[in-house]
Amino acid sequence: MTGAGVHDSVPAMRAPLIAAALAALLATTPAVAEQPLVAVEPEAASEPSALVPLAADSPWTARFAAAADELLPALRSLDESQWAPLLGGQWLGAPDRIRVAALLGDRHSPFRHALFAKGFTHRVILGWHPPATLTADDRAAIAARPEAEAIVCWASGGTGESQSWPRTAAEADNAPGRPYACARITYSVRGDAPGWRAFIERS
């Protein structure tokens, strides 16, 4: 091998040696957790917003009541062609259709007791409790919005006054053992034709 040949092979040999040395160094160097440039205080856990019955004089109460009156018999029918259009129609995907059908047909589901048990079915329409800091103008602006959302729940038996209802939206999840069944309804009065859609959650 000539001197020129040796000289040409040195860079080619040096690269693998450097890579091996670097890998060994990284393997023996303890991992250092990345520290933020600015200290960040952990966010305090916030309490979920409480649910309260809609006021009788709210302009939304009658709208949600009419929607609930239409939704109830559709769910009781157990007929997908009746309840699916109210839960989104073409926007209600196949997995959601299967989930809702299973929930309505499950004998342990809150819907079976609330909608099919003997006795009077009670209903409540719940909204989110407004913060205490809201002014009268704030409340008027909220009431005047073209969209609103509420949670409608049904329960069977009892007198209604003693019935326990969900205290937060998380408790309106239709989990087995709940003494009520719930649906979330979004309502819009934009445009010429007011419309609404219901959602049924399952934990």
N, C-alpha and C. Protein backbone atom coordinates (compact mmCIF):
# COMPACT_ATOMS: atom_id res chain seq x y z
N MET A 1 0.87 -1.19 0.00
CA MET A 1 0.00 0.00 0.00
C MET A 1 0.90 1.23 0.00
N THR A 2 0.62 2.19 -0.87
CA THR A 2 1.44 3.39 -0.96
C THR A 2 1.05 4.37 0.11
N GLY A 3 1.86 5.39 0.31
CA GLY A 3 1.53 6.43 1.27
C GLY A 3 0.24 7.13 0.92
N ALA A 4 -0.01 7.33 -0.38
CA ALA A 4 -1.25 8.00 -0.78
C ALA A 4 -2.44 7.16 -0.44
N GLY A 5 -2.30 5.82 -0.57
CA GLY A 5 -3.42 4.94 -0.25
C GLY A 5 -3.75 4.98 1.22
N VAL A 6 -2.69 4.99 2.05
CA VAL A 6 -2.92 5.08 3.49
C VAL A 6 -3.59 6.39 3.85
N HIS A 7 -3.14 7.46 3.23
CA HIS A 7 -3.71 8.78 3.52
C HIS A 7 -5.19 8.83 3.15
N ASP A 8 -5.56 8.20 2.03
CA ASP A 8 -6.95 8.23 1.58
C ASP A 8 -7.86 7.41 2.50
N SER A 9 -7.33 6.36 3.14
CA SER A 9 -8.17 5.49 3.97
C SER A 9 -8.39 6.03 5.36
N VAL A 10 -7.61 7.01 5.79
CA VAL A 10 -7.73 7.52 7.16
C VAL A 10 -9.09 8.15 7.41
N PRO A 11 -9.61 9.06 6.55
CA PRO A 11 -10.94 9.62 6.82
C PRO A 11 -12.03 8.57 6.85
N ALA A 12 -11.92 7.59 5.99
CA ALA A 12 -12.95 6.55 5.96
C ALA A 12 -12.95 5.73 7.24
N MET A 13 -11.78 5.50 7.84
CA MET A 13 -11.69 4.74 9.09
C MET A 13 -12.09 5.61 10.28
N ARG A 14 -11.81 6.92 10.16
CA ARG A 14 -12.04 7.80 11.31
C ARG A 14 -13.53 7.96 11.61
N ALA A 15 -14.40 8.00 10.60
CA ALA A 15 -15.84 8.23 10.81
C ALA A 15 -16.47 7.14 11.67
N PRO A 16 -16.24 5.83 11.38
CA PRO A 16 -16.84 4.81 12.25
C PRO A 16 -16.31 4.87 13.67
N LEU A 17 -15.00 5.21 13.83
CA LEU A 17 -14.42 5.29 15.17
C LEU A 17 -15.07 6.41 15.97
N ILE A 18 -15.31 7.56 15.31
CA ILE A 18 -15.94 8.68 16.00
C ILE A 18 -17.37 8.34 16.40
N ALA A 19 -18.09 7.69 15.47
CA ALA A 19 -19.47 7.31 15.76
C ALA A 19 -19.54 6.33 16.93
N ALA A 20 -18.61 5.36 16.97
CA ALA A 20 -18.59 4.39 18.06
C ALA A 20 -18.28 5.06 19.39
N ALA A 21 -17.32 6.00 19.37
CA ALA A 21 -16.97 6.71 20.60
C ALA A 21 -18.14 7.53 21.11
N LEU A 22 -18.86 8.18 20.19
CA LEU A 22 -20.01 8.99 20.58
C LEU A 22 -21.11 8.11 21.16
N ALA A 23 -21.35 6.95 20.57
CA ALA A 23 -22.38 6.04 21.09
C ALA A 23 -22.02 5.56 22.48
N ALA A 24 -20.74 5.27 22.71
CA ALA A 24 -20.30 4.82 24.03
C ALA A 24 -20.47 5.93 25.06
N LEU A 25 -20.17 7.17 24.65
CA LEU A 25 -20.32 8.29 25.57
C LEU A 25 -21.78 8.49 25.96
N LEU A 26 -22.66 8.40 24.98
CA LEU A 26 -24.08 8.57 25.27
C LEU A 26 -24.61 7.45 26.15
N ALA A 27 -24.09 6.25 25.96
CA ALA A 27 -24.56 5.13 26.75
C ALA A 27 -24.16 5.24 28.20
N THR A 28 -23.05 5.93 28.48
CA THR A 28 -22.58 6.03 29.86
C THR A 28 -22.95 7.35 30.51
N THR A 29 -23.60 8.26 29.76
CA THR A 29 -23.98 9.55 30.31
C THR A 29 -25.40 9.48 30.83
N PRO A 30 -25.65 9.78 32.09
CA PRO A 30 -27.02 9.72 32.62
C PRO A 30 -27.92 10.72 31.92
N ALA A 31 -29.18 10.30 31.69
CA ALA A 31 -30.15 11.18 31.03
C ALA A 31 -30.49 12.34 31.94
N VAL A 32 -30.56 13.50 31.36
CA VAL A 32 -30.89 14.71 32.11
C VAL A 32 -32.25 15.20 31.66
N ALA A 33 -33.17 15.33 32.58
CA ALA A 33 -34.51 15.78 32.24
C ALA A 33 -34.46 17.21 31.75
N GLU A 34 -35.20 17.47 30.68
CA GLU A 34 -35.23 18.82 30.15
C GLU A 34 -35.96 19.75 31.13
N GLN A 35 -35.33 20.86 31.38
CA GLN A 35 -35.92 21.83 32.30
C GLN A 35 -36.55 22.96 31.49
N PRO A 36 -37.75 23.40 31.84
CA PRO A 36 -38.36 24.51 31.11
C PRO A 36 -37.57 25.78 31.32
N LEU A 37 -37.55 26.62 30.30
CA LEU A 37 -36.83 27.88 30.41
C LEU A 37 -37.49 28.79 31.44
N VAL A 38 -38.81 28.69 31.55
CA VAL A 38 -39.55 29.50 32.51
C VAL A 38 -40.33 28.56 33.41
N ALA A 39 -40.21 28.74 34.70
CA ALA A 39 -40.94 27.88 35.63
C ALA A 39 -42.44 28.04 35.44
N VAL A 40 -43.14 26.91 35.35
CA VAL A 40 -44.58 26.92 35.13
C VAL A 40 -45.26 26.34 36.35
N GLU A 41 -46.16 27.10 36.92
CA GLU A 41 -46.92 26.61 38.07
C GLU A 41 -47.97 25.61 37.61
N PRO A 42 -48.12 24.49 38.29
CA PRO A 42 -49.18 23.55 37.89
C PRO A 42 -50.55 24.16 38.03
N GLU A 43 -51.41 23.86 37.04
CA GLU A 43 -52.75 24.41 37.07
C GLU A 43 -53.57 23.79 38.19
N ALA A 44 -54.28 24.62 38.89
CA ALA A 44 -55.13 24.13 39.96
C ALA A 44 -56.35 23.43 39.37
N ALA A 45 -56.71 22.32 39.95
CA ALA A 45 -57.88 21.58 39.46
C ALA A 45 -59.13 22.41 39.69
N SER A 46 -59.91 22.56 38.64
CA SER A 46 -61.13 23.37 38.74
C SER A 46 -62.32 22.47 38.99
N GLU A 47 -63.25 22.98 39.75
CA GLU A 47 -64.47 22.25 40.03
C GLU A 47 -65.36 22.24 38.79
N PRO A 48 -65.97 21.11 38.47
CA PRO A 48 -66.87 21.09 37.31
C PRO A 48 -68.07 21.99 37.55
N SER A 49 -68.55 22.59 36.47
CA SER A 49 -69.70 23.50 36.58
C SER A 49 -70.94 22.73 37.02
N ALA A 50 -71.64 23.30 37.98
CA ALA A 50 -72.84 22.66 38.49
C ALA A 50 -73.99 22.85 37.52
N LEU A 51 -74.91 21.87 37.51
CA LEU A 51 -76.11 21.95 36.71
C LEU A 51 -77.27 22.43 37.57
N VAL A 52 -78.11 23.26 36.98
CA VAL A 52 -79.30 23.75 37.67
C VAL A 52 -80.47 23.72 36.69
N PRO A 53 -81.69 23.54 37.18
CA PRO A 53 -82.85 23.56 36.28
C PRO A 53 -82.97 24.91 35.58
N LEU A 54 -83.35 24.86 34.30
CA LEU A 54 -83.57 26.11 33.58
C LEU A 54 -84.72 26.87 34.21
N ALA A 55 -84.60 28.17 34.24
CA ALA A 55 -85.66 29.01 34.80
C ALA A 55 -86.90 28.91 33.93
N ALA A 56 -88.05 28.92 34.58
CA ALA A 56 -89.31 28.80 33.85
C ALA A 56 -89.51 29.95 32.88
N ASP A 57 -88.96 31.13 33.20
CA ASP A 57 -89.14 32.28 32.33
C ASP A 57 -88.03 32.44 31.30
N SER A 58 -87.13 31.48 31.23
CA SER A 58 -86.07 31.54 30.22
C SER A 58 -86.68 31.33 28.84
N PRO A 59 -86.24 32.11 27.84
CA PRO A 59 -86.78 31.91 26.49
C PRO A 59 -86.40 30.56 25.90
N TRP A 60 -85.42 29.89 26.49
CA TRP A 60 -84.98 28.59 25.97
C TRP A 60 -85.76 27.43 26.58
N THR A 61 -86.40 27.63 27.70
CA THR A 61 -87.05 26.52 28.39
C THR A 61 -88.12 25.86 27.52
N ALA A 62 -88.98 26.65 26.92
CA ALA A 62 -90.04 26.08 26.09
C ALA A 62 -89.47 25.36 24.87
N ARG A 63 -88.38 25.87 24.31
CA ARG A 63 -87.77 25.23 23.14
C ARG A 63 -87.20 23.86 23.50
N PHE A 64 -86.48 23.81 24.62
CA PHE A 64 -85.92 22.52 25.03
C PHE A 64 -87.01 21.55 25.46
N ALA A 65 -88.07 22.05 26.06
CA ALA A 65 -89.18 21.19 26.45
C ALA A 65 -89.83 20.56 25.23
N ALA A 66 -90.03 21.35 24.17
CA ALA A 66 -90.62 20.82 22.94
C ALA A 66 -89.70 19.78 22.30
N ALA A 67 -88.39 20.04 22.33
CA ALA A 67 -87.44 19.07 21.77
C ALA A 67 -87.47 17.77 22.58
N ALA A 68 -87.53 17.88 23.90
CA ALA A 68 -87.58 16.69 24.75
C ALA A 68 -88.86 15.90 24.52
N ASP A 69 -89.96 16.61 24.29
CA ASP A 69 -91.23 15.94 24.03
C ASP A 69 -91.20 15.17 22.71
N GLU A 70 -90.39 15.63 21.78
CA GLU A 70 -90.25 14.92 20.51
C GLU A 70 -89.25 13.77 20.63
N LEU A 71 -88.22 13.96 21.43
CA LEU A 71 -87.19 12.94 21.58
C LEU A 71 -87.66 11.73 22.37
N LEU A 72 -88.46 11.96 23.41
CA LEU A 72 -88.87 10.87 24.30
C LEU A 72 -89.60 9.74 23.56
N PRO A 73 -90.65 9.99 22.80
CA PRO A 73 -91.31 8.87 22.12
C PRO A 73 -90.43 8.20 21.06
N ALA A 74 -89.52 8.97 20.47
CA ALA A 74 -88.61 8.37 19.49
C ALA A 74 -87.69 7.35 20.16
N LEU A 75 -87.18 7.69 21.35
CA LEU A 75 -86.33 6.75 22.08
C LEU A 75 -87.14 5.56 22.58
N ARG A 76 -88.35 5.81 23.03
CA ARG A 76 -89.19 4.72 23.52
C ARG A 76 -89.55 3.73 22.42
N SER A 77 -89.59 4.19 21.19
CA SER A 77 -89.97 3.30 20.09
C SER A 77 -88.91 2.24 19.83
N LEU A 78 -87.67 2.50 20.25
CA LEU A 78 -86.53 1.63 19.97
C LEU A 78 -86.30 1.45 18.47
N ASP A 79 -86.93 2.31 17.69
CA ASP A 79 -86.84 2.25 16.23
C ASP A 79 -85.79 3.25 15.76
N GLU A 80 -84.72 2.73 15.19
CA GLU A 80 -83.63 3.61 14.75
C GLU A 80 -84.09 4.65 13.74
N SER A 81 -85.06 4.30 12.92
CA SER A 81 -85.54 5.26 11.92
C SER A 81 -86.23 6.44 12.56
N GLN A 82 -86.62 6.31 13.84
CA GLN A 82 -87.26 7.42 14.54
C GLN A 82 -86.28 8.23 15.37
N TRP A 83 -85.36 7.55 16.07
CA TRP A 83 -84.46 8.31 16.93
C TRP A 83 -83.19 8.79 16.23
N ALA A 84 -82.74 8.09 15.21
CA ALA A 84 -81.50 8.49 14.54
C ALA A 84 -81.58 9.90 13.92
N PRO A 85 -82.69 10.29 13.26
CA PRO A 85 -82.73 11.65 12.71
C PRO A 85 -82.60 12.74 13.78
N LEU A 86 -83.04 12.45 14.99
CA LEU A 86 -82.95 13.44 16.07
C LEU A 86 -81.56 13.47 16.71
N LEU A 87 -80.76 12.46 16.42
CA LEU A 87 -79.40 12.39 16.97
C LEU A 87 -78.35 12.72 15.92
N GLY A 88 -78.76 13.34 14.86
CA GLY A 88 -77.79 13.77 13.85
C GLY A 88 -78.06 13.27 12.45
N GLY A 89 -78.93 12.28 12.31
CA GLY A 89 -79.25 11.79 10.98
C GLY A 89 -78.03 11.29 10.23
N GLN A 90 -77.75 11.87 9.08
CA GLN A 90 -76.64 11.41 8.24
C GLN A 90 -75.29 11.67 8.90
N TRP A 91 -75.25 12.55 9.90
CA TRP A 91 -73.99 12.82 10.60
C TRP A 91 -73.78 11.88 11.79
N LEU A 92 -74.73 11.01 12.05
CA LEU A 92 -74.58 10.04 13.13
C LEU A 92 -73.92 8.80 12.56
N GLY A 93 -72.67 8.57 12.93
CA GLY A 93 -71.90 7.48 12.36
C GLY A 93 -72.41 6.12 12.81
N ALA A 94 -71.99 5.10 12.07
CA ALA A 94 -72.42 3.73 12.37
C ALA A 94 -72.02 3.31 13.79
N PRO A 95 -70.80 3.60 14.27
CA PRO A 95 -70.46 3.20 15.65
C PRO A 95 -71.39 3.84 16.68
N ASP A 96 -71.77 5.10 16.46
CA ASP A 96 -72.68 5.77 17.40
C ASP A 96 -74.09 5.17 17.33
N ARG A 97 -74.52 4.80 16.15
CA ARG A 97 -75.83 4.15 16.01
C ARG A 97 -75.85 2.83 16.79
N ILE A 98 -74.80 2.07 16.65
CA ILE A 98 -74.72 0.79 17.36
C ILE A 98 -74.69 1.01 18.86
N ARG A 99 -73.93 2.03 19.30
CA ARG A 99 -73.82 2.32 20.74
C ARG A 99 -75.16 2.72 21.32
N VAL A 100 -75.88 3.62 20.63
CA VAL A 100 -77.17 4.09 21.14
C VAL A 100 -78.18 2.95 21.15
N ALA A 101 -78.20 2.15 20.07
CA ALA A 101 -79.14 1.03 20.02
C ALA A 101 -78.88 0.05 21.16
N ALA A 102 -77.61 -0.21 21.44
CA ALA A 102 -77.27 -1.11 22.54
C ALA A 102 -77.67 -0.52 23.88
N LEU A 103 -77.50 0.79 24.03
CA LEU A 103 -77.85 1.45 25.29
C LEU A 103 -79.36 1.40 25.53
N LEU A 104 -80.14 1.61 24.47
CA LEU A 104 -81.59 1.58 24.62
C LEU A 104 -82.11 0.17 24.86
N GLY A 105 -81.41 -0.82 24.32
CA GLY A 105 -81.87 -2.20 24.47
C GLY A 105 -81.33 -2.93 25.67
N ASP A 106 -80.33 -2.36 26.34
CA ASP A 106 -79.71 -3.02 27.49
C ASP A 106 -80.66 -2.96 28.69
N ARG A 107 -80.98 -4.09 29.25
CA ARG A 107 -81.92 -4.14 30.38
C ARG A 107 -81.34 -3.48 31.62
N HIS A 108 -80.01 -3.32 31.68
CA HIS A 108 -79.38 -2.67 32.83
C HIS A 108 -79.13 -1.18 32.58
N SER A 109 -79.52 -0.70 31.42
CA SER A 109 -79.30 0.70 31.08
C SER A 109 -80.28 1.59 31.83
N PRO A 110 -79.85 2.80 32.22
CA PRO A 110 -80.79 3.73 32.86
C PRO A 110 -81.99 4.03 31.98
N PHE A 111 -81.84 3.93 30.67
CA PHE A 111 -82.97 4.21 29.78
C PHE A 111 -84.09 3.19 29.95
N ARG A 112 -83.72 1.96 30.22
CA ARG A 112 -84.77 0.93 30.36
C ARG A 112 -85.66 1.25 31.56
N HIS A 113 -85.07 1.71 32.64
CA HIS A 113 -85.84 2.02 33.83
C HIS A 113 -86.58 3.35 33.67
N ALA A 114 -85.89 4.35 33.12
CA ALA A 114 -86.48 5.68 33.04
C ALA A 114 -87.62 5.75 32.03
N LEU A 115 -87.51 5.02 30.93
CA LEU A 115 -88.47 5.15 29.85
C LEU A 115 -89.51 4.04 29.79
N PHE A 116 -89.22 2.91 30.42
CA PHE A 116 -90.13 1.77 30.25
C PHE A 116 -90.66 1.20 31.55
N ALA A 117 -90.16 1.67 32.70
CA ALA A 117 -90.67 1.16 33.96
C ALA A 117 -92.09 1.65 34.19
N LYS A 118 -92.84 0.90 34.98
CA LYS A 118 -94.19 1.32 35.31
C LYS A 118 -94.13 2.56 36.20
N GLY A 119 -95.06 3.44 36.00
CA GLY A 119 -95.08 4.67 36.78
C GLY A 119 -94.83 5.87 35.90
N PHE A 120 -95.03 7.04 36.47
CA PHE A 120 -94.91 8.29 35.73
C PHE A 120 -93.44 8.60 35.47
N THR A 121 -93.14 9.05 34.27
CA THR A 121 -91.78 9.44 33.93
C THR A 121 -91.60 10.93 34.20
N HIS A 122 -90.69 11.25 35.09
CA HIS A 122 -90.39 12.65 35.43
C HIS A 122 -89.29 13.16 34.53
N ARG A 123 -89.28 14.45 34.33
CA ARG A 123 -88.29 15.07 33.45
C ARG A 123 -87.76 16.35 34.07
N VAL A 124 -86.50 16.63 33.80
CA VAL A 124 -85.89 17.89 34.22
C VAL A 124 -85.03 18.40 33.07
N ILE A 125 -85.01 19.70 32.91
CA ILE A 125 -84.17 20.34 31.90
C ILE A 125 -83.13 21.17 32.64
N LEU A 126 -81.87 20.82 32.45
CA LEU A 126 -80.78 21.41 33.23
C LEU A 126 -79.86 22.24 32.35
N GLY A 127 -79.41 23.34 32.92
CA GLY A 127 -78.39 24.16 32.28
C GLY A 127 -77.23 24.36 33.24
N TRP A 128 -76.19 25.03 32.77
CA TRP A 128 -75.01 25.23 33.60
C TRP A 128 -75.20 26.45 34.49
N HIS A 129 -74.85 26.28 35.74
CA HIS A 129 -75.00 27.37 36.71
C HIS A 129 -74.07 28.51 36.32
N PRO A 130 -74.60 29.71 36.11
CA PRO A 130 -73.74 30.82 35.70
C PRO A 130 -72.84 31.27 36.85
N PRO A 131 -71.64 31.76 36.52
CA PRO A 131 -70.77 32.27 37.57
C PRO A 131 -71.42 33.42 38.33
N ALA A 132 -71.07 33.53 39.59
CA ALA A 132 -71.65 34.59 40.42
C ALA A 132 -71.21 35.97 39.97
N THR A 133 -70.13 36.05 39.19
CA THR A 133 -69.60 37.34 38.77
C THR A 133 -70.36 37.93 37.58
N LEU A 134 -71.29 37.17 36.99
CA LEU A 134 -72.02 37.69 35.84
C LEU A 134 -72.92 38.85 36.25
N THR A 135 -72.91 39.88 35.44
CA THR A 135 -73.78 41.02 35.67
C THR A 135 -75.13 40.78 34.99
N ALA A 136 -76.08 41.67 35.24
CA ALA A 136 -77.38 41.55 34.60
C ALA A 136 -77.25 41.66 33.08
N ASP A 137 -76.34 42.52 32.62
CA ASP A 137 -76.11 42.66 31.17
C ASP A 137 -75.51 41.38 30.60
N ASP A 138 -74.60 40.75 31.35
CA ASP A 138 -74.00 39.49 30.90
C ASP A 138 -75.08 38.42 30.74
N ARG A 139 -75.95 38.33 31.71
CA ARG A 139 -77.02 37.33 31.65
C ARG A 139 -77.97 37.59 30.48
N ALA A 140 -78.26 38.86 30.23
CA ALA A 140 -79.13 39.19 29.11
C ALA A 140 -78.47 38.84 27.78
N ALA A 141 -77.15 39.07 27.69
CA ALA A 141 -76.43 38.74 26.46
C ALA A 141 -76.42 37.24 26.23
N ILE A 142 -76.27 36.46 27.29
CA ILE A 142 -76.29 35.00 27.16
C ILE A 142 -77.65 34.52 26.71
N ALA A 143 -78.70 35.08 27.29
CA ALA A 143 -80.06 34.68 26.92
C ALA A 143 -80.39 35.03 25.49
N ALA A 144 -79.73 36.08 24.96
CA ALA A 144 -80.01 36.53 23.60
C ALA A 144 -79.19 35.81 22.54
N ARG A 145 -78.30 34.93 22.94
CA ARG A 145 -77.49 34.21 21.95
C ARG A 145 -78.36 33.32 21.08
N PRO A 146 -77.94 33.10 19.82
CA PRO A 146 -78.75 32.26 18.92
C PRO A 146 -78.56 30.76 19.14
N GLU A 147 -77.63 30.37 20.01
CA GLU A 147 -77.45 28.95 20.31
C GLU A 147 -77.47 28.74 21.82
N ALA A 148 -77.90 27.57 22.20
CA ALA A 148 -77.90 27.20 23.62
C ALA A 148 -77.82 25.68 23.73
N GLU A 149 -77.45 25.24 24.90
CA GLU A 149 -77.31 23.80 25.15
C GLU A 149 -77.89 23.48 26.52
N ALA A 150 -78.52 22.33 26.62
CA ALA A 150 -79.10 21.91 27.89
C ALA A 150 -79.01 20.39 27.99
N ILE A 151 -79.19 19.88 29.18
CA ILE A 151 -79.23 18.44 29.42
C ILE A 151 -80.62 18.09 29.92
N VAL A 152 -81.26 17.17 29.22
CA VAL A 152 -82.60 16.71 29.58
C VAL A 152 -82.48 15.32 30.19
N CYS A 153 -83.07 15.12 31.34
CA CYS A 153 -83.01 13.82 32.01
C CYS A 153 -84.42 13.34 32.35
N TRP A 154 -84.56 12.01 32.32
CA TRP A 154 -85.83 11.38 32.67
C TRP A 154 -85.60 10.36 33.78
N ALA A 155 -86.61 10.19 34.61
CA ALA A 155 -86.56 9.17 35.66
C ALA A 155 -87.98 8.68 35.89
N SER A 156 -88.11 7.43 36.30
CA SER A 156 -89.42 6.85 36.52
C SER A 156 -89.61 6.55 37.99
N GLY A 157 -90.85 6.75 38.46
CA GLY A 157 -91.17 6.45 39.85
C GLY A 157 -90.97 7.65 40.75
N GLY A 158 -91.39 7.51 41.99
CA GLY A 158 -91.24 8.60 42.95
C GLY A 158 -92.20 9.73 42.67
N THR A 159 -91.96 10.84 43.32
CA THR A 159 -92.84 12.00 43.18
C THR A 159 -92.25 13.07 42.28
N GLY A 160 -90.99 12.94 41.91
CA GLY A 160 -90.35 13.97 41.11
C GLY A 160 -89.58 14.93 41.97
N GLU A 161 -90.19 15.42 43.05
CA GLU A 161 -89.49 16.37 43.92
C GLU A 161 -88.32 15.70 44.64
N SER A 162 -88.50 14.43 45.00
CA SER A 162 -87.45 13.73 45.73
C SER A 162 -86.44 13.05 44.80
N GLN A 163 -86.67 13.13 43.50
CA GLN A 163 -85.79 12.48 42.54
C GLN A 163 -84.42 13.16 42.53
N SER A 164 -83.37 12.37 42.54
CA SER A 164 -82.02 12.93 42.42
C SER A 164 -81.67 13.05 40.94
N TRP A 165 -81.06 14.17 40.58
CA TRP A 165 -80.68 14.45 39.21
C TRP A 165 -79.17 14.69 39.15
N PRO A 166 -78.58 14.64 37.98
CA PRO A 166 -77.12 14.87 37.90
C PRO A 166 -76.76 16.27 38.39
N ARG A 167 -75.67 16.33 39.12
CA ARG A 167 -75.21 17.62 39.63
C ARG A 167 -74.24 18.29 38.68
N THR A 168 -73.55 17.49 37.85
CA THR A 168 -72.63 18.01 36.84
C THR A 168 -72.86 17.24 35.55
N ALA A 169 -72.32 17.76 34.46
CA ALA A 169 -72.47 17.09 33.17
C ALA A 169 -71.83 15.71 33.19
N ALA A 170 -70.77 15.53 33.97
CA ALA A 170 -70.11 14.23 34.04
C ALA A 170 -71.03 13.16 34.62
N GLU A 171 -72.00 13.56 35.44
CA GLU A 171 -72.92 12.60 36.04
C GLU A 171 -74.10 12.28 35.12
N ALA A 172 -74.16 12.93 33.97
CA ALA A 172 -75.23 12.66 33.00
C ALA A 172 -74.71 11.72 31.91
N ASP A 173 -73.93 10.72 32.33
CA ASP A 173 -73.23 9.85 31.39
C ASP A 173 -73.96 8.55 31.11
N ASN A 174 -75.15 8.37 31.67
CA ASN A 174 -75.95 7.15 31.44
C ASN A 174 -75.21 5.88 31.82
N ALA A 175 -74.39 5.97 32.84
CA ALA A 175 -73.68 4.79 33.33
C ALA A 175 -74.66 3.85 34.03
N PRO A 176 -74.38 2.55 34.01
CA PRO A 176 -75.26 1.61 34.72
C PRO A 176 -75.40 2.00 36.18
N GLY A 177 -76.61 1.92 36.69
CA GLY A 177 -76.86 2.26 38.08
C GLY A 177 -77.34 3.67 38.30
N ARG A 178 -77.24 4.54 37.28
CA ARG A 178 -77.77 5.89 37.44
C ARG A 178 -79.29 5.82 37.58
N PRO A 179 -79.89 6.64 38.45
CA PRO A 179 -81.35 6.61 38.61
C PRO A 179 -82.07 7.47 37.57
N TYR A 180 -81.37 7.90 36.55
CA TYR A 180 -81.95 8.74 35.52
C TYR A 180 -81.22 8.46 34.20
N ALA A 181 -81.87 8.82 33.10
CA ALA A 181 -81.28 8.73 31.76
C ALA A 181 -81.26 10.13 31.18
N CYS A 182 -80.21 10.48 30.45
CA CYS A 182 -80.04 11.86 30.00
C CYS A 182 -79.65 11.95 28.54
N ALA A 183 -79.99 13.07 27.95
CA ALA A 183 -79.56 13.42 26.61
C ALA A 183 -79.16 14.89 26.61
N ARG A 184 -78.11 15.20 25.89
CA ARG A 184 -77.68 16.60 25.74
C ARG A 184 -78.27 17.12 24.44
N ILE A 185 -78.85 18.30 24.49
CA ILE A 185 -79.50 18.89 23.32
C ILE A 185 -78.87 20.24 23.02
N THR A 186 -78.45 20.40 21.79
CA THR A 186 -77.97 21.70 21.33
C THR A 186 -79.04 22.31 20.43
N TYR A 187 -79.31 23.57 20.63
CA TYR A 187 -80.41 24.24 19.92
C TYR A 187 -79.88 25.50 19.26
N SER A 188 -80.32 25.75 18.03
CA SER A 188 -79.92 26.94 17.31
C SER A 188 -81.14 27.60 16.69
N VAL A 189 -81.20 28.91 16.80
CA VAL A 189 -82.28 29.66 16.19
C VAL A 189 -81.73 30.55 15.06
N ARG A 190 -80.55 30.22 14.56
CA ARG A 190 -80.00 30.96 13.42
C ARG A 190 -80.83 30.65 12.17
N GLY A 191 -80.94 31.62 11.31
CA GLY A 191 -81.64 31.41 10.05
C GLY A 191 -83.15 31.37 10.23
N ASP A 192 -83.81 30.91 9.19
CA ASP A 192 -85.27 30.92 9.18
C ASP A 192 -85.87 29.73 9.94
N ALA A 193 -85.15 28.62 9.97
CA ALA A 193 -85.70 27.41 10.58
C ALA A 193 -84.88 27.01 11.80
N PRO A 194 -85.39 27.24 13.01
CA PRO A 194 -84.68 26.78 14.21
C PRO A 194 -84.50 25.27 14.17
N GLY A 195 -83.40 24.81 14.71
CA GLY A 195 -83.14 23.37 14.70
C GLY A 195 -82.40 22.93 15.94
N TRP A 196 -82.45 21.65 16.23
CA TRP A 196 -81.76 21.11 17.39
C TRP A 196 -81.27 19.70 17.07
N ARG A 197 -80.33 19.26 17.87
CA ARG A 197 -79.79 17.90 17.76
C ARG A 197 -79.52 17.38 19.16
N ALA A 198 -79.80 16.11 19.35
CA ALA A 198 -79.56 15.48 20.65
C ALA A 198 -78.31 14.60 20.59
N PHE A 199 -77.67 14.46 21.73
CA PHE A 199 -76.49 13.59 21.88
C PHE A 199 -76.72 12.72 23.11
N ILE A 200 -76.40 11.46 23.00
CA ILE A 200 -76.53 10.55 24.14
C ILE A 200 -75.14 10.01 24.46
N GLU A 201 -74.66 10.35 25.64
CA GLU A 201 -73.33 9.92 26.05
C GLU A 201 -73.41 8.63 26.87
N ARG A 202 -72.30 7.92 26.86
CA ARG A 202 -72.17 6.72 27.69
C ARG A 202 -70.76 6.68 28.23
N SER A 203 -70.61 6.55 29.54
CA SER A 203 -69.29 6.56 30.14
C SER A 203 -68.51 5.35 29.70
